N, C-alpha and C. Protein backbone atom coordinates (compact mmCIF):
# COMPACT_ATOMS: atom_id res chain seq x y z
N MET A 1 83.81 66.37 29.39
CA MET A 1 83.22 65.09 29.06
C MET A 1 83.64 64.06 30.09
N HIS A 2 82.81 63.10 30.29
CA HIS A 2 83.09 62.04 31.25
C HIS A 2 84.24 61.15 30.78
N ARG A 3 85.11 60.79 31.68
CA ARG A 3 86.20 59.89 31.37
C ARG A 3 86.10 58.59 32.18
N ASP A 4 85.00 58.43 32.89
CA ASP A 4 84.77 57.25 33.71
C ASP A 4 84.35 56.08 32.82
N MET A 5 85.13 55.03 32.84
CA MET A 5 84.89 53.88 31.96
C MET A 5 83.54 53.22 32.25
N GLU A 6 83.15 53.16 33.52
CA GLU A 6 81.87 52.53 33.89
C GLU A 6 80.70 53.32 33.29
N TRP A 7 80.72 54.65 33.44
CA TRP A 7 79.66 55.48 32.88
C TRP A 7 79.61 55.34 31.37
N TRP A 8 80.79 55.36 30.75
CA TRP A 8 80.91 55.27 29.29
C TRP A 8 80.27 53.98 28.79
N THR A 9 80.60 52.87 29.45
CA THR A 9 80.07 51.56 29.06
C THR A 9 78.56 51.48 29.29
N GLN A 10 78.10 51.98 30.44
CA GLN A 10 76.67 51.95 30.73
C GLN A 10 75.88 52.75 29.70
N LEU A 11 76.40 53.87 29.30
CA LEU A 11 75.70 54.69 28.33
C LEU A 11 75.63 53.99 26.97
N ARG A 12 76.71 53.34 26.58
CA ARG A 12 76.72 52.59 25.31
C ARG A 12 75.70 51.44 25.36
N VAL A 13 75.62 50.75 26.49
CA VAL A 13 74.67 49.65 26.64
C VAL A 13 73.24 50.18 26.61
N ARG A 14 72.98 51.27 27.33
CA ARG A 14 71.63 51.87 27.33
C ARG A 14 71.22 52.28 25.93
N ALA A 15 72.14 52.85 25.17
CA ALA A 15 71.82 53.28 23.82
C ALA A 15 71.45 52.09 22.94
N ALA A 16 72.10 50.97 23.15
CA ALA A 16 71.87 49.79 22.33
C ALA A 16 70.62 49.01 22.75
N GLN A 17 70.32 48.97 24.03
CA GLN A 17 69.29 48.06 24.51
C GLN A 17 68.00 48.71 25.01
N SER A 18 68.02 49.96 25.38
CA SER A 18 66.87 50.55 26.06
C SER A 18 65.73 50.95 25.14
N GLY A 19 66.02 51.21 23.89
CA GLY A 19 64.98 51.67 23.00
C GLY A 19 64.74 53.17 23.10
N LEU A 20 65.53 53.87 23.92
CA LEU A 20 65.42 55.32 24.02
C LEU A 20 66.06 55.96 22.79
N SER A 21 65.54 57.10 22.42
CA SER A 21 66.16 57.83 21.32
C SER A 21 67.44 58.50 21.82
N LYS A 22 68.28 58.86 20.89
CA LYS A 22 69.52 59.55 21.25
C LYS A 22 69.21 60.88 21.94
N ARG A 23 68.17 61.53 21.48
CA ARG A 23 67.77 62.80 22.10
C ARG A 23 67.38 62.60 23.56
N GLU A 24 66.64 61.54 23.85
CA GLU A 24 66.24 61.24 25.23
C GLU A 24 67.46 60.92 26.10
N LEU A 25 68.40 60.15 25.55
CA LEU A 25 69.62 59.84 26.30
C LEU A 25 70.40 61.11 26.64
N CYS A 26 70.51 61.99 25.67
CA CYS A 26 71.21 63.25 25.91
C CYS A 26 70.54 64.05 27.02
N ARG A 27 69.23 64.12 26.95
CA ARG A 27 68.48 64.87 27.95
C ARG A 27 68.65 64.27 29.34
N GLU A 28 68.52 62.95 29.45
CA GLU A 28 68.63 62.27 30.75
C GLU A 28 70.03 62.39 31.35
N GLU A 29 71.05 62.31 30.51
CA GLU A 29 72.43 62.35 31.00
C GLU A 29 72.98 63.76 31.11
N GLY A 30 72.30 64.70 30.51
CA GLY A 30 72.77 66.08 30.56
C GLY A 30 74.01 66.31 29.72
N ILE A 31 74.07 65.62 28.58
CA ILE A 31 75.21 65.76 27.68
C ILE A 31 74.73 66.25 26.32
N SER A 32 75.66 66.73 25.53
CA SER A 32 75.32 67.24 24.21
C SER A 32 75.21 66.09 23.21
N TRP A 33 74.59 66.40 22.08
CA TRP A 33 74.47 65.44 20.98
C TRP A 33 75.86 65.02 20.51
N LYS A 34 76.79 65.98 20.44
CA LYS A 34 78.15 65.73 19.99
C LYS A 34 78.87 64.78 20.95
N ALA A 35 78.67 64.98 22.25
CA ALA A 35 79.30 64.12 23.25
C ALA A 35 78.77 62.69 23.13
N LEU A 36 77.47 62.55 22.93
CA LEU A 36 76.89 61.22 22.77
C LEU A 36 77.46 60.54 21.52
N GLY A 37 77.63 61.29 20.47
CA GLY A 37 78.22 60.75 19.25
C GLY A 37 79.61 60.19 19.49
N LYS A 38 80.40 60.88 20.30
CA LYS A 38 81.75 60.41 20.62
C LYS A 38 81.70 59.14 21.45
N VAL A 39 80.77 59.10 22.41
CA VAL A 39 80.63 57.90 23.25
C VAL A 39 80.28 56.70 22.39
N LEU A 40 79.36 56.88 21.47
CA LEU A 40 78.92 55.76 20.63
C LEU A 40 79.96 55.38 19.58
N ALA A 41 80.82 56.30 19.20
CA ALA A 41 81.81 56.03 18.17
C ALA A 41 83.05 55.33 18.71
N HIS A 42 83.32 55.45 20.00
CA HIS A 42 84.55 54.91 20.57
C HIS A 42 84.24 53.97 21.74
N ALA A 43 84.90 52.83 21.76
CA ALA A 43 84.65 51.83 22.80
C ALA A 43 85.17 52.27 24.17
N GLU A 44 86.18 53.14 24.19
CA GLU A 44 86.75 53.60 25.46
C GLU A 44 86.83 55.11 25.48
N PRO A 45 86.71 55.70 26.67
CA PRO A 45 86.85 57.15 26.76
C PRO A 45 88.29 57.58 26.46
N PRO A 46 88.51 58.82 26.08
CA PRO A 46 89.86 59.27 25.79
C PRO A 46 90.73 59.18 27.03
N GLY A 47 91.95 58.76 26.84
CA GLY A 47 92.88 58.68 27.94
C GLY A 47 92.90 57.35 28.65
N CYS A 48 92.10 56.40 28.24
CA CYS A 48 92.08 55.09 28.92
C CYS A 48 92.97 54.11 28.22
């Protein structure tokens, strides 16, 4: 999973503002549904 704070924040912003579905975000970013759930549930990536 990504631990880059910039990527983490950008993904959270895109999820909130873009109008894309979670499925589309997962497909575009190449991440799993579970990974997206973790990104949206936590303000910072693990280890930060």
